[in-house]
Amino acid sequence: MSFLRNRPWLWIVFAFALLIAGWIVLLKIAADHRPATVELHPPSSHEQP
């Protein structure tokens, strides 16, 4: 454990890598379980003259 104790910045790099990997996994899961039809910009009545 002296390897990590002598290099505290390595914990920060490891924590950021774990955080980014976690977000990537969550975004991939969210993209796979998207609803089939998502209307992002529905036609609104105020756009018509």
N, C-alpha and C. Protein backbone atom coordinates (compact mmCIF):
# COMPACT_ATOMS: atom_id res chain seq x y z
N MET A 1 0.81 -1.21 0.00
CA MET A 1 0.00 0.00 0.00
C MET A 1 0.85 1.26 0.00
N SER A 2 2.16 1.13 0.18
CA SER A 2 3.01 2.32 0.21
C SER A 2 3.05 2.99 -1.16
N PHE A 3 2.77 2.22 -2.22
CA PHE A 3 2.76 2.80 -3.57
C PHE A 3 1.69 3.87 -3.67
N LEU A 4 0.47 3.58 -3.16
CA LEU A 4 -0.61 4.57 -3.21
C LEU A 4 -0.44 5.64 -2.14
N ARG A 5 0.17 5.30 -1.03
CA ARG A 5 0.33 6.28 0.05
C ARG A 5 1.34 7.35 -0.36
N ASN A 6 2.31 6.99 -1.18
CA ASN A 6 3.31 7.97 -1.62
C ASN A 6 2.79 8.82 -2.78
N ARG A 7 1.70 8.43 -3.39
CA ARG A 7 1.15 9.16 -4.54
C ARG A 7 -0.33 9.47 -4.29
N PRO A 8 -0.64 10.50 -3.51
CA PRO A 8 -2.05 10.81 -3.22
C PRO A 8 -2.83 11.28 -4.45
N TRP A 9 -2.13 11.83 -5.45
CA TRP A 9 -2.83 12.29 -6.65
C TRP A 9 -3.39 11.11 -7.43
N LEU A 10 -2.81 9.91 -7.21
CA LEU A 10 -3.30 8.74 -7.91
C LEU A 10 -4.72 8.40 -7.48
N TRP A 11 -5.05 8.65 -6.20
CA TRP A 11 -6.42 8.42 -5.73
C TRP A 11 -7.39 9.35 -6.45
N ILE A 12 -6.97 10.60 -6.70
CA ILE A 12 -7.84 11.56 -7.37
C ILE A 12 -8.08 11.12 -8.81
N VAL A 13 -7.02 10.70 -9.49
CA VAL A 13 -7.16 10.22 -10.87
C VAL A 13 -8.07 8.99 -10.91
N PHE A 14 -7.88 8.08 -9.97
CA PHE A 14 -8.69 6.87 -9.92
C PHE A 14 -10.15 7.20 -9.65
N ALA A 15 -10.40 8.15 -8.74
CA ALA A 15 -11.77 8.53 -8.41
C ALA A 15 -12.46 9.17 -9.62
N PHE A 16 -11.76 10.04 -10.34
CA PHE A 16 -12.34 10.67 -11.52
C PHE A 16 -12.61 9.65 -12.62
N ALA A 17 -11.70 8.71 -12.81
CA ALA A 17 -11.91 7.67 -13.82
C ALA A 17 -13.12 6.82 -13.47
N LEU A 18 -13.27 6.49 -12.19
CA LEU A 18 -14.41 5.70 -11.74
C LEU A 18 -15.71 6.48 -11.93
N LEU A 19 -15.68 7.77 -11.62
CA LEU A 19 -16.87 8.61 -11.76
C LEU A 19 -17.28 8.73 -13.23
N ILE A 20 -16.32 8.97 -14.11
CA ILE A 20 -16.61 9.10 -15.53
C ILE A 20 -17.12 7.78 -16.09
N ALA A 21 -16.50 6.67 -15.69
CA ALA A 21 -16.95 5.35 -16.16
C ALA A 21 -18.37 5.08 -15.68
N GLY A 22 -18.68 5.47 -14.46
CA GLY A 22 -20.03 5.28 -13.95
C GLY A 22 -21.05 6.07 -14.74
N TRP A 23 -20.72 7.31 -15.07
CA TRP A 23 -21.64 8.12 -15.86
C TRP A 23 -21.84 7.54 -17.26
N ILE A 24 -20.76 7.02 -17.86
CA ILE A 24 -20.88 6.43 -19.20
C ILE A 24 -21.80 5.22 -19.16
N VAL A 25 -21.64 4.38 -18.13
CA VAL A 25 -22.50 3.20 -18.00
C VAL A 25 -23.95 3.62 -17.82
N LEU A 26 -24.20 4.62 -16.96
CA LEU A 26 -25.57 5.08 -16.74
C LEU A 26 -26.17 5.66 -18.01
N LEU A 27 -25.38 6.42 -18.77
CA LEU A 27 -25.90 6.99 -20.01
C LEU A 27 -26.19 5.92 -21.04
N LYS A 28 -25.36 4.86 -21.10
CA LYS A 28 -25.62 3.77 -22.03
C LYS A 28 -26.89 3.03 -21.65
N ILE A 29 -27.10 2.79 -20.35
CA ILE A 29 -28.33 2.13 -19.90
C ILE A 29 -29.54 3.00 -20.22
N ALA A 30 -29.42 4.30 -19.99
CA ALA A 30 -30.53 5.21 -20.27
C ALA A 30 -30.83 5.25 -21.76
N ALA A 31 -29.80 5.19 -22.60
CA ALA A 31 -30.01 5.22 -24.05
C ALA A 31 -30.67 3.94 -24.53
N ASP A 32 -30.36 2.81 -23.88
CA ASP A 32 -30.96 1.54 -24.28
C ASP A 32 -32.42 1.46 -23.87
N HIS A 33 -32.80 2.11 -22.79
CA HIS A 33 -34.17 2.00 -22.28
C HIS A 33 -34.97 3.26 -22.56
N ARG A 34 -34.66 3.89 -23.68
CA ARG A 34 -35.40 5.08 -24.10
C ARG A 34 -36.79 4.69 -24.55
N PRO A 35 -37.79 5.53 -24.34
CA PRO A 35 -39.11 5.26 -24.94
C PRO A 35 -39.01 5.27 -26.46
N ALA A 36 -39.90 4.52 -27.10
CA ALA A 36 -39.82 4.35 -28.55
C ALA A 36 -40.07 5.68 -29.27
N THR A 37 -41.06 6.44 -28.81
CA THR A 37 -41.37 7.70 -29.48
C THR A 37 -41.23 8.83 -28.48
N VAL A 38 -40.29 9.72 -28.77
CA VAL A 38 -40.08 10.89 -27.93
C VAL A 38 -40.20 12.12 -28.82
N GLU A 39 -41.22 12.94 -28.53
CA GLU A 39 -41.43 14.16 -29.31
C GLU A 39 -40.77 15.30 -28.56
N LEU A 40 -39.59 15.72 -29.02
CA LEU A 40 -38.85 16.75 -28.31
C LEU A 40 -39.46 18.13 -28.53
N HIS A 41 -39.86 18.41 -29.76
CA HIS A 41 -40.44 19.71 -30.08
C HIS A 41 -41.82 19.50 -30.70
N PRO A 42 -42.85 19.38 -29.88
CA PRO A 42 -44.19 19.20 -30.45
C PRO A 42 -44.65 20.48 -31.14
N PRO A 43 -45.41 20.35 -32.18
CA PRO A 43 -45.91 21.55 -32.87
C PRO A 43 -46.81 22.35 -31.94
N SER A 44 -46.40 23.56 -31.63
CA SER A 44 -47.17 24.38 -30.70
C SER A 44 -48.03 25.38 -31.45
N SER A 45 -49.08 25.83 -30.79
CA SER A 45 -50.05 26.69 -31.47
C SER A 45 -49.52 28.10 -31.68
N HIS A 46 -48.55 28.55 -30.87
CA HIS A 46 -48.08 29.93 -31.00
C HIS A 46 -47.15 30.11 -32.19
N GLU A 47 -46.73 29.02 -32.85
CA GLU A 47 -45.89 29.16 -34.03
C GLU A 47 -46.72 29.44 -35.29
N GLN A 48 -48.00 29.12 -35.23
CA GLN A 48 -48.85 29.35 -36.40
C GLN A 48 -49.28 30.82 -36.43
N PRO A 49 -49.40 31.39 -37.62
CA PRO A 49 -49.80 32.82 -37.73
C PRO A 49 -51.25 33.04 -37.34
